[in-house]
Every structure is written in structure tokens, then in C-alpha cells.
Amino acid sequence: MLSSVFTAAFGASGGPEVGIFKRFQKQWSTIDQDVFIPGSDTLFSTPELLSLRAQLVVYYTEALNTKQTRDDYAELLNLCRIFLGETANVHFRAPGATHNARWMSKAIYCLKIYLFQHQFVLTQSEKKGVTAVSLFVSIIYGQFWNEAPVAEKAPLNDVKLLTRLESYPDEIIRDAASKAFKRYLWYLSEHLIGLSFFDPQIEADVKKAMANNLNRPAMASNLK
């Protein structure tokens, strides 16, 4: 999904490296890390985005207090938190690999470039692409990516992700993400939906209704 969004924002890449990332990596030593600009208020143009911004600042801050198995994971959560406006305890890591095969670099680099865009020369097209990817990663992608390994949350999170995408204001990014994600919804089936019984996000009365539905007779058509 992230790869599809990146391609929608920047266009298809013709080589193994992303040029804008290589330029930023070379210039990193001249960047003043104490001077950065979080996401502009104008980016959060709808009541839904404003609400999500406040919720996700809390989410990313709390997520960083749990153990992250890889440094890149913690870095992405931290950058999302900073982009959304939480500037307490800020720190940055030096840019790493830029190869296209390292999918997480697309999110990490775009967020860093946005935060330091006033110290780095960007074309209008590059600035637009960096902004689009940064907003998508911080508002949509980061939370669900972070919770992807938690099996019992998968069914509800998939539905929540689709719902959040439906109201996302950037049509190009929304369509690219939705199309990519829907290719992998084969597992959202009758068999695996039972994982939701172990999901603490789902209230007890909903789980009781789910259990009651298990006693309904099977239908010959429209099984899903």
C-alpha cells in the first residue's frame, strides 16, 4: 500500500535509488536538527483530520513507550508524532539506506524531508509529493502498520482502515491506497473473523451478538 501511494505521489521510479532521498542524505550533515517545521495546520483541512490529528498524537506517544523490536519502527512512530505537532523530546537519526527495496525508507525519508524542507531545496512537484506521503503515513498508515502484527486486531482494523480511507480528502492517494489494500482482503473471511472475539477494542455486547449469529443457519447463497 505504501509503495502504491509513493508511486501515485512521485510517479514510477526508473532506477533502484530514489534521487531526492540521495540528495537529502548527502546534505544531512548541514541540516540544523534543532530547527524543524511540523505539519502545517492547513493540511488538516477537515474536522475528521483535525480529530485524527489529536488522537494520533496520543497514540504515537503511547506506542513509543512500548518496546519496538527494530529501530526503524520506533523512528517512524517518532517522526509521525513530530509531524502531527508533538515537539517534546524530539530527536532525529541520520538518514539510512535509500534503495527502493527498503520500503520503510519511503515513509521515513518523506517525513524527515518535510520537517526540514526549509533547509533543503525542493521542486514544487517534489514538495507536493513529500507532503502527500507524509500526511498519509502519519494519519492513515502509521497506526495500522504498527498494529499489523497483532492478529486479534486485524479484522476490525481492516474495516477501520477502509473506513478511514473512504473519507480521506486526497482522491489520488485515497484511490491508490484503497486499490492496493483491497488486493489483500482475501483473509477477511468467516474463518479468521473469529479472531475478533479476542480483540479488546470490541465491546462485550458486540461479541455477544457475534456469538448469537454463529447459531444462525447457513445460507445457500451470499455466504460472505
Protein backbone atom coordinates (compact mmCIF):
# COMPACT_ATOMS: atom_id res chain seq x y z
CA MET A 1 0.00 0.00 0.00
CA LEU A 2 2.81 2.44 0.87
CA SER A 3 4.59 1.66 -2.38
CA SER A 4 1.41 2.39 -4.35
CA VAL A 5 0.90 5.68 -2.53
CA PHE A 6 4.52 6.69 -3.15
CA THR A 7 4.18 5.94 -6.86
CA ALA A 8 0.95 7.94 -7.02
CA ALA A 9 2.68 10.90 -5.36
CA PHE A 10 6.02 10.83 -7.22
CA GLY A 11 5.45 8.73 -10.33
CA ALA A 12 7.12 5.45 -11.26
CA SER A 13 10.83 5.12 -10.48
CA GLY A 14 13.20 4.20 -13.28
CA GLY A 15 16.08 3.02 -11.10
CA PRO A 16 17.00 1.28 -7.83
CA GLU A 17 17.59 4.55 -5.94
CA VAL A 18 15.28 7.47 -5.16
CA GLY A 19 17.08 10.64 -6.26
CA ILE A 20 15.53 13.03 -3.77
CA PHE A 21 16.49 10.72 -0.90
CA LYS A 22 20.12 10.52 -2.07
CA ARG A 23 20.30 14.32 -2.21
CA PHE A 24 18.87 14.65 1.28
CA GLN A 25 21.24 12.02 2.65
CA LYS A 26 24.26 13.93 1.26
CA GLN A 27 23.02 17.22 2.74
CA TRP A 28 22.17 15.83 6.18
CA SER A 29 25.43 17.00 7.75
CA THR A 30 24.46 20.62 7.05
CA ILE A 31 20.92 20.31 8.48
CA ASP A 32 20.26 22.07 11.78
CA GLN A 33 18.28 19.39 13.62
CA ASP A 34 17.06 21.85 16.23
CA VAL A 35 15.12 23.83 13.62
CA PHE A 36 12.24 21.91 12.03
CA ILE A 37 8.65 22.62 10.97
CA PRO A 38 5.82 20.15 11.84
CA GLY A 39 2.87 19.58 9.54
CA SER A 40 1.12 22.80 8.60
CA ASP A 41 -2.31 23.40 10.12
CA THR A 42 -3.69 23.88 6.61
CA LEU A 43 -3.05 20.20 5.86
CA PHE A 44 -5.70 19.17 8.39
CA SER A 45 -8.48 20.76 6.43
CA THR A 46 -11.49 18.79 7.65
CA PRO A 47 -12.99 18.15 11.12
CA GLU A 48 -12.14 14.46 10.65
CA LEU A 49 -8.45 15.19 10.04
CA LEU A 50 -8.29 17.58 12.99
CA SER A 51 -9.81 14.95 15.26
CA LEU A 52 -7.48 12.24 13.97
CA ARG A 53 -4.50 14.53 14.45
CA ALA A 54 -5.26 14.92 18.15
CA GLN A 55 -5.99 11.21 18.63
CA LEU A 56 -2.87 10.05 16.81
CA VAL A 57 -0.51 12.34 18.70
CA VAL A 58 -1.61 10.46 21.83
CA TYR A 59 -1.42 7.10 20.04
CA TYR A 60 2.12 7.54 18.70
CA THR A 61 3.37 8.90 22.01
CA GLU A 62 1.99 5.89 23.88
CA ALA A 63 3.22 3.46 21.22
CA LEU A 64 6.77 4.75 21.63
CA ASN A 65 6.62 3.78 25.30
CA THR A 66 6.22 0.13 24.32
CA LYS A 67 9.15 -1.96 23.16
CA GLN A 68 9.88 -1.70 19.44
CA THR A 69 11.73 -4.69 18.03
CA ARG A 70 13.60 -2.65 15.39
CA ASP A 71 14.99 0.87 15.45
CA ASP A 72 13.25 1.76 12.18
CA TYR A 73 9.87 1.05 13.75
CA ALA A 74 10.45 3.44 16.62
CA GLU A 75 11.85 6.05 14.24
CA LEU A 76 8.76 6.02 12.04
CA LEU A 77 6.43 6.36 15.03
CA ASN A 78 8.54 9.22 16.35
CA LEU A 79 8.53 11.06 13.01
CA CYS A 80 4.74 10.69 12.74
CA ARG A 81 4.39 12.15 16.23
CA ILE A 82 6.58 15.14 15.35
CA PHE A 83 4.83 15.73 12.02
CA LEU A 84 1.48 15.89 13.80
CA GLY A 85 2.77 18.58 16.13
CA GLU A 86 4.15 16.89 19.26
CA THR A 87 7.57 18.50 19.71
CA ALA A 88 8.55 17.26 23.18
CA ASN A 89 11.65 15.04 23.46
CA VAL A 90 12.49 15.39 19.77
CA HIS A 91 15.46 13.55 18.28
CA PHE A 92 16.43 12.51 14.77
CA ARG A 93 18.56 9.71 13.35
CA ALA A 94 20.86 10.17 10.39
CA PRO A 95 19.26 9.06 7.09
CA GLY A 96 19.88 5.43 6.20
CA ALA A 97 19.59 3.36 3.04
CA THR A 98 17.69 4.85 0.10
CA HIS A 99 17.23 1.76 -2.05
CA ASN A 100 13.75 1.20 -3.46
CA ALA A 101 13.69 -2.30 -1.98
CA ARG A 102 13.78 -0.82 1.52
CA TRP A 103 10.10 0.10 1.60
CA MET A 104 10.12 1.80 5.01
CA SER A 105 12.66 4.36 3.78
CA LYS A 106 9.93 5.96 1.67
CA ALA A 107 7.95 6.90 4.77
CA ILE A 108 10.93 7.86 6.92
CA TYR A 109 12.62 9.99 4.27
CA CYS A 110 9.45 11.83 3.27
CA LEU A 111 8.68 12.76 6.86
CA LYS A 112 12.23 13.97 7.50
CA ILE A 113 12.35 15.96 4.27
CA TYR A 114 9.04 17.63 5.12
CA LEU A 115 10.24 18.58 8.60
CA PHE A 116 13.44 20.14 7.21
CA GLN A 117 12.12 21.37 3.86
CA HIS A 118 13.15 24.96 4.60
CA GLN A 119 16.79 23.76 4.73
CA PHE A 120 16.59 21.59 1.62
CA VAL A 121 15.90 22.66 -1.97
CA LEU A 122 12.76 21.04 -3.39
CA THR A 123 10.91 21.48 -6.66
CA GLN A 124 7.19 22.20 -6.40
CA SER A 125 6.46 18.67 -7.61
CA GLU A 126 8.79 17.14 -5.01
CA LYS A 127 7.31 19.27 -2.23
CA LYS A 128 3.82 18.20 -3.21
CA GLY A 129 4.82 14.53 -3.23
CA VAL A 130 6.65 14.72 0.10
CA THR A 131 3.67 16.45 1.70
CA ALA A 132 1.17 13.92 0.32
CA VAL A 133 3.15 10.90 1.53
CA SER A 134 3.90 12.44 4.94
CA LEU A 135 0.25 13.22 5.62
CA PHE A 136 -0.89 9.78 4.50
CA VAL A 137 1.73 7.98 6.60
CA SER A 138 1.02 9.95 9.77
CA ILE A 139 -2.78 10.00 9.52
CA ILE A 140 -3.55 6.66 7.88
CA TYR A 141 -0.63 4.28 7.52
CA GLY A 142 1.39 4.56 10.73
CA GLN A 143 -1.19 3.33 13.22
CA PHE A 144 -2.40 0.34 11.22
CA TRP A 145 1.12 -0.62 10.17
CA ASN A 146 2.22 -0.56 13.82
CA GLU A 147 -0.67 -2.85 14.86
CA ALA A 148 -0.42 -5.21 11.89
CA PRO A 149 1.42 -7.95 13.86
CA VAL A 150 -1.42 -8.16 16.42
CA ALA A 151 -3.61 -10.87 14.92
CA GLU A 152 -6.72 -10.35 17.05
CA LYS A 153 -6.95 -6.71 15.98
CA ALA A 154 -6.68 -7.44 12.27
CA PRO A 155 -10.37 -7.89 11.33
CA LEU A 156 -11.60 -4.69 12.98
CA ASN A 157 -8.51 -2.71 11.94
CA ASP A 158 -9.03 -3.68 8.32
CA VAL A 159 -12.57 -2.33 8.42
CA LYS A 160 -11.43 0.81 10.24
CA LEU A 161 -8.66 1.36 7.69
CA LEU A 162 -11.09 1.07 4.78
CA THR A 163 -13.47 3.48 6.51
CA ARG A 164 -10.71 6.00 7.16
CA LEU A 165 -9.59 5.78 3.55
CA GLU A 166 -13.11 6.46 2.29
CA SER A 167 -13.13 9.89 3.96
CA TYR A 168 -9.53 10.79 3.07
CA PRO A 169 -9.61 14.09 1.15
CA ASP A 170 -6.77 13.43 -1.32
CA GLU A 171 -8.52 11.46 -4.04
CA ILE A 172 -5.36 10.32 -5.85
CA ILE A 173 -3.74 8.99 -2.68
CA ARG A 174 -7.02 7.51 -1.44
CA ASP A 175 -7.63 5.57 -4.64
CA ALA A 176 -4.06 4.25 -4.83
CA ALA A 177 -4.10 3.06 -1.22
CA SER A 178 -7.59 1.52 -1.41
CA LYS A 179 -6.83 -0.35 -4.62
CA ALA A 180 -3.62 -1.79 -3.19
CA PHE A 181 -5.17 -2.75 0.15
CA LYS A 182 -8.22 -4.43 -1.35
CA ARG A 183 -5.98 -6.89 -3.18
CA TYR A 184 -5.11 -8.40 0.21
CA LEU A 185 -8.52 -8.69 1.81
CA TRP A 186 -8.94 -12.36 0.94
CA TYR A 187 -8.16 -13.24 4.57
CA LEU A 188 -11.03 -11.12 5.95
CA SER A 189 -13.19 -14.27 5.90
CA GLU A 190 -15.69 -16.12 8.07
CA HIS A 191 -12.88 -18.25 9.47
CA LEU A 192 -10.48 -15.51 10.59
CA ILE A 193 -13.15 -13.05 11.68
CA GLY A 194 -13.33 -15.17 14.85
CA LEU A 195 -10.09 -13.52 15.97
CA SER A 196 -12.26 -10.55 16.88
CA PHE A 197 -13.53 -12.41 19.95
CA PHE A 198 -10.09 -11.78 21.47
CA ASP A 199 -9.90 -8.12 20.45
CA PRO A 200 -10.10 -5.75 23.45
CA GLN A 201 -11.26 -2.94 21.13
CA ILE A 202 -14.63 -4.67 20.62
CA GLU A 203 -17.26 -4.27 23.32
CA ALA A 204 -18.83 -7.25 25.07
CA ASP A 205 -22.33 -6.68 23.66
CA VAL A 206 -20.95 -6.76 20.12
CA LYS A 207 -19.14 -10.02 20.84
CA LYS A 208 -22.38 -11.49 22.25
CA ALA A 209 -24.20 -10.54 19.05
CA MET A 210 -21.42 -12.18 17.03
CA ALA A 211 -21.77 -15.36 19.10
CA ASN A 212 -25.54 -15.39 18.58
CA ASN A 213 -25.03 -15.10 14.83
CA LEU A 214 -22.94 -18.26 14.88
CA ASN A 215 -26.15 -20.18 15.67
CA ARG A 216 -27.97 -18.90 12.59
CA PRO A 217 -28.41 -21.49 9.80
CA ALA A 218 -26.10 -21.25 6.83
CA MET A 219 -27.46 -19.71 3.64
CA ALA A 220 -27.07 -21.31 0.26
CA SER A 221 -26.10 -18.00 -1.36
CA ASN A 222 -24.35 -14.80 -0.38
CA LEU A 223 -22.14 -16.69 2.08
CA LYS A 224 -19.95 -13.68 2.80
